[in-house]
Amino acid sequence: MRELRLLETTVRELRGESVPEDTGYDASALTRRVMDVVRMELRPGRPVPLGDEDEDLWVMEAVAARTLRAAAETVAGVRAGSCRIAPPEASARGEVAVRLEVHAPTGVPLEEVAEEVRRRVAGAARLRLGLRPASVDIRITDLVDVPAGFEEDPTDD
């Protein structure tokens, strides 16, 4: 646990955030996030087909998931966790069903956060990966406080 506190302190200092002085700090959120990333790195997942039936183009699930998690985290205060990508039942090649778990910021309408995450993830699937998302399911697994002075992504339109 000491090592996790040291890691988080270092990350917070690099980001210019204040470090909690409370010695009873719960590092479980950081632990879960680190373990999500470790699991994805150790398990690249299955290949996901790209393009049309006659094309032999594939991307590994872990690569696609990393791209989709990054897109979700462009929404202010959102932290993405587990991301699963699979062909939906009876789908055409290239169509996928995405299931993404996120931590959402407190004090904002959750439906709006989920819809914005869904929009950005679907856009990244199409534009960055060439996937056709048949569905993008968002599961909010936790609410987190947004740090003071945290601002919306200036690229938001």
Protein backbone atom coordinates (compact mmCIF):
# COMPACT_ATOMS: atom_id res chain seq x y z
CA MET A 1 0.00 0.00 0.00
CA ARG A 2 2.93 2.33 0.74
CA GLU A 3 4.18 1.92 -2.83
CA LEU A 4 0.77 2.86 -4.24
CA ARG A 5 0.65 6.02 -2.13
CA LEU A 6 4.13 6.92 -3.35
CA LEU A 7 3.08 6.30 -6.98
CA GLU A 8 -0.05 8.42 -6.64
CA THR A 9 1.85 11.20 -4.87
CA THR A 10 4.37 11.27 -7.71
CA VAL A 11 1.64 11.34 -10.37
CA ARG A 12 -0.25 14.11 -8.56
CA GLU A 13 2.91 16.18 -8.21
CA LEU A 14 3.67 15.78 -11.92
CA ARG A 15 0.14 16.93 -12.74
CA GLY A 16 0.48 19.87 -10.36
CA GLU A 17 -2.30 18.59 -8.10
CA SER A 18 -2.24 18.82 -4.35
CA VAL A 19 -1.34 15.67 -2.47
CA PRO A 20 -3.76 14.62 0.30
CA GLU A 21 -2.18 14.93 3.73
CA ASP A 22 -4.60 12.47 5.32
CA THR A 23 -2.66 9.36 6.33
CA GLY A 24 -5.86 7.33 6.08
CA TYR A 25 -6.03 7.90 2.32
CA ASP A 26 -7.78 5.12 0.43
CA ALA A 27 -5.78 4.20 -2.67
CA SER A 28 -8.33 1.62 -3.83
CA ALA A 29 -9.46 3.71 -6.83
CA LEU A 30 -5.88 3.99 -8.05
CA THR A 31 -5.33 0.29 -7.43
CA ARG A 32 -8.41 -0.64 -9.48
CA ARG A 33 -7.34 1.62 -12.36
CA VAL A 34 -3.77 0.27 -12.39
CA MET A 35 -5.04 -3.31 -12.30
CA ASP A 36 -7.47 -2.63 -15.18
CA VAL A 37 -4.58 -1.41 -17.29
CA VAL A 38 -2.33 -4.32 -16.24
CA ARG A 39 -5.03 -6.86 -17.10
CA MET A 40 -5.53 -5.34 -20.53
CA GLU A 41 -1.79 -5.27 -21.22
CA LEU A 42 -1.36 -8.91 -20.20
CA ARG A 43 -4.41 -10.03 -22.15
CA PRO A 44 -4.46 -8.47 -25.62
CA GLY A 45 -7.87 -9.98 -26.31
CA ARG A 46 -9.14 -11.36 -29.54
CA PRO A 47 -8.64 -9.88 -32.98
CA VAL A 48 -11.45 -7.58 -34.10
CA PRO A 49 -12.16 -7.52 -37.84
CA LEU A 50 -11.96 -4.22 -39.67
CA GLY A 51 -13.33 -3.34 -43.05
CA ASP A 52 -15.41 -5.38 -45.46
CA GLU A 53 -15.74 -9.15 -45.87
CA ASP A 54 -13.08 -9.31 -48.60
CA GLU A 55 -10.45 -7.46 -46.54
CA ASP A 56 -7.96 -9.17 -44.26
CA LEU A 57 -7.55 -6.35 -41.76
CA TRP A 58 -7.65 -6.88 -38.00
CA VAL A 59 -6.90 -4.97 -34.80
CA MET A 60 -6.32 -6.55 -31.39
CA GLU A 61 -9.04 -5.81 -28.84
CA ALA A 62 -6.53 -4.27 -26.39
CA VAL A 63 -5.36 -1.77 -29.02
CA ALA A 64 -8.90 -0.77 -29.92
CA ALA A 65 -9.91 -0.61 -26.24
CA ARG A 66 -7.01 1.72 -25.44
CA THR A 67 -8.14 4.07 -28.22
CA LEU A 68 -11.76 4.02 -27.03
CA ARG A 69 -10.80 4.58 -23.37
CA ALA A 70 -8.72 7.59 -24.42
CA ALA A 71 -11.72 8.99 -26.31
CA ALA A 72 -13.95 8.53 -23.24
CA GLU A 73 -11.44 10.39 -21.07
CA THR A 74 -11.73 13.50 -23.25
CA VAL A 75 -15.03 14.11 -21.43
CA ALA A 76 -14.29 16.35 -18.44
CA GLY A 77 -13.86 14.41 -15.21
CA VAL A 78 -14.39 10.96 -16.76
CA ARG A 79 -11.95 8.12 -16.12
CA ALA A 80 -12.37 5.00 -18.23
CA GLY A 81 -11.89 1.47 -16.96
CA SER A 82 -12.71 -1.85 -18.52
CA CYS A 83 -13.57 -1.80 -22.22
CA ARG A 84 -14.87 -4.84 -24.07
CA ILE A 85 -15.30 -4.94 -27.83
CA ALA A 86 -17.13 -7.79 -29.50
CA PRO A 87 -19.11 -8.44 -32.63
CA PRO A 88 -22.81 -8.14 -31.82
CA GLU A 89 -24.94 -11.17 -32.53
CA ALA A 90 -25.77 -11.57 -36.23
CA SER A 91 -23.54 -8.66 -37.21
CA ALA A 92 -21.81 -7.75 -40.41
CA ARG A 93 -18.03 -7.77 -40.47
CA GLY A 94 -16.63 -4.63 -38.90
CA GLU A 95 -19.64 -3.97 -36.67
CA VAL A 96 -18.91 -4.11 -32.96
CA ALA A 97 -20.67 -3.81 -29.65
CA VAL A 98 -18.67 -1.75 -27.15
CA ARG A 99 -19.14 -1.98 -23.39
CA LEU A 100 -17.19 0.60 -21.40
CA GLU A 101 -17.04 1.15 -17.64
CA VAL A 102 -16.31 4.69 -16.47
CA HIS A 103 -15.99 6.75 -13.34
CA ALA A 104 -18.05 9.92 -13.77
CA PRO A 105 -17.69 13.28 -12.06
CA THR A 106 -20.08 14.18 -9.25
CA GLY A 107 -22.43 17.12 -9.59
CA VAL A 108 -23.26 16.69 -13.28
CA PRO A 109 -26.24 14.92 -14.87
CA LEU A 110 -25.14 11.32 -15.40
CA GLU A 111 -27.31 10.85 -18.48
CA GLU A 112 -25.54 13.75 -20.17
CA VAL A 113 -22.11 12.42 -19.20
CA ALA A 114 -22.98 8.94 -20.50
CA GLU A 115 -24.35 10.33 -23.76
CA GLU A 116 -21.26 12.48 -24.35
CA VAL A 117 -18.96 9.52 -23.60
CA ARG A 118 -21.05 7.37 -25.97
CA ARG A 119 -20.79 9.99 -28.73
CA ARG A 120 -17.02 10.38 -28.41
CA VAL A 121 -16.36 6.64 -28.18
CA ALA A 122 -18.53 5.94 -31.24
CA GLY A 123 -16.75 8.72 -33.14
CA ALA A 124 -13.31 7.34 -32.23
CA ALA A 125 -14.39 3.84 -33.24
CA ARG A 126 -15.44 5.12 -36.66
CA LEU A 127 -12.79 7.75 -37.36
CA ARG A 128 -9.68 6.36 -35.68
CA LEU A 129 -10.23 2.62 -36.00
CA GLY A 130 -12.60 2.16 -38.92
CA LEU A 131 -15.07 0.19 -36.81
CA ARG A 132 -18.82 0.49 -37.16
CA PRO A 133 -20.26 0.54 -33.63
CA ALA A 134 -23.63 -1.24 -33.54
CA SER A 135 -23.92 -0.24 -29.87
CA VAL A 136 -21.91 1.61 -27.24
CA ASP A 137 -23.01 0.71 -23.73
CA ILE A 138 -21.71 2.89 -20.92
CA ARG A 139 -21.68 1.61 -17.35
CA ILE A 140 -20.95 4.19 -14.65
CA THR A 141 -19.20 2.27 -11.89
CA ASP A 142 -18.23 5.12 -9.57
CA LEU A 143 -18.60 8.85 -8.97
CA VAL A 144 -15.47 10.92 -8.43
CA ASP A 145 -14.88 14.45 -7.28
CA VAL A 146 -13.48 16.75 -9.94
CA PRO A 147 -10.34 18.55 -8.72
CA ALA A 148 -10.69 22.27 -7.99
CA GLY A 149 -9.77 24.35 -11.00
CA PHE A 150 -10.52 21.47 -13.37
CA GLU A 151 -11.82 22.86 -16.65
CA GLU A 152 -13.60 21.42 -19.65
CA ASP A 153 -11.46 20.25 -22.55
CA PRO A 154 -10.87 23.42 -24.61
CA THR A 155 -11.44 21.40 -27.77
CA ASP A 156 -15.07 20.75 -26.72
CA ASP A 157 -17.55 22.17 -29.19
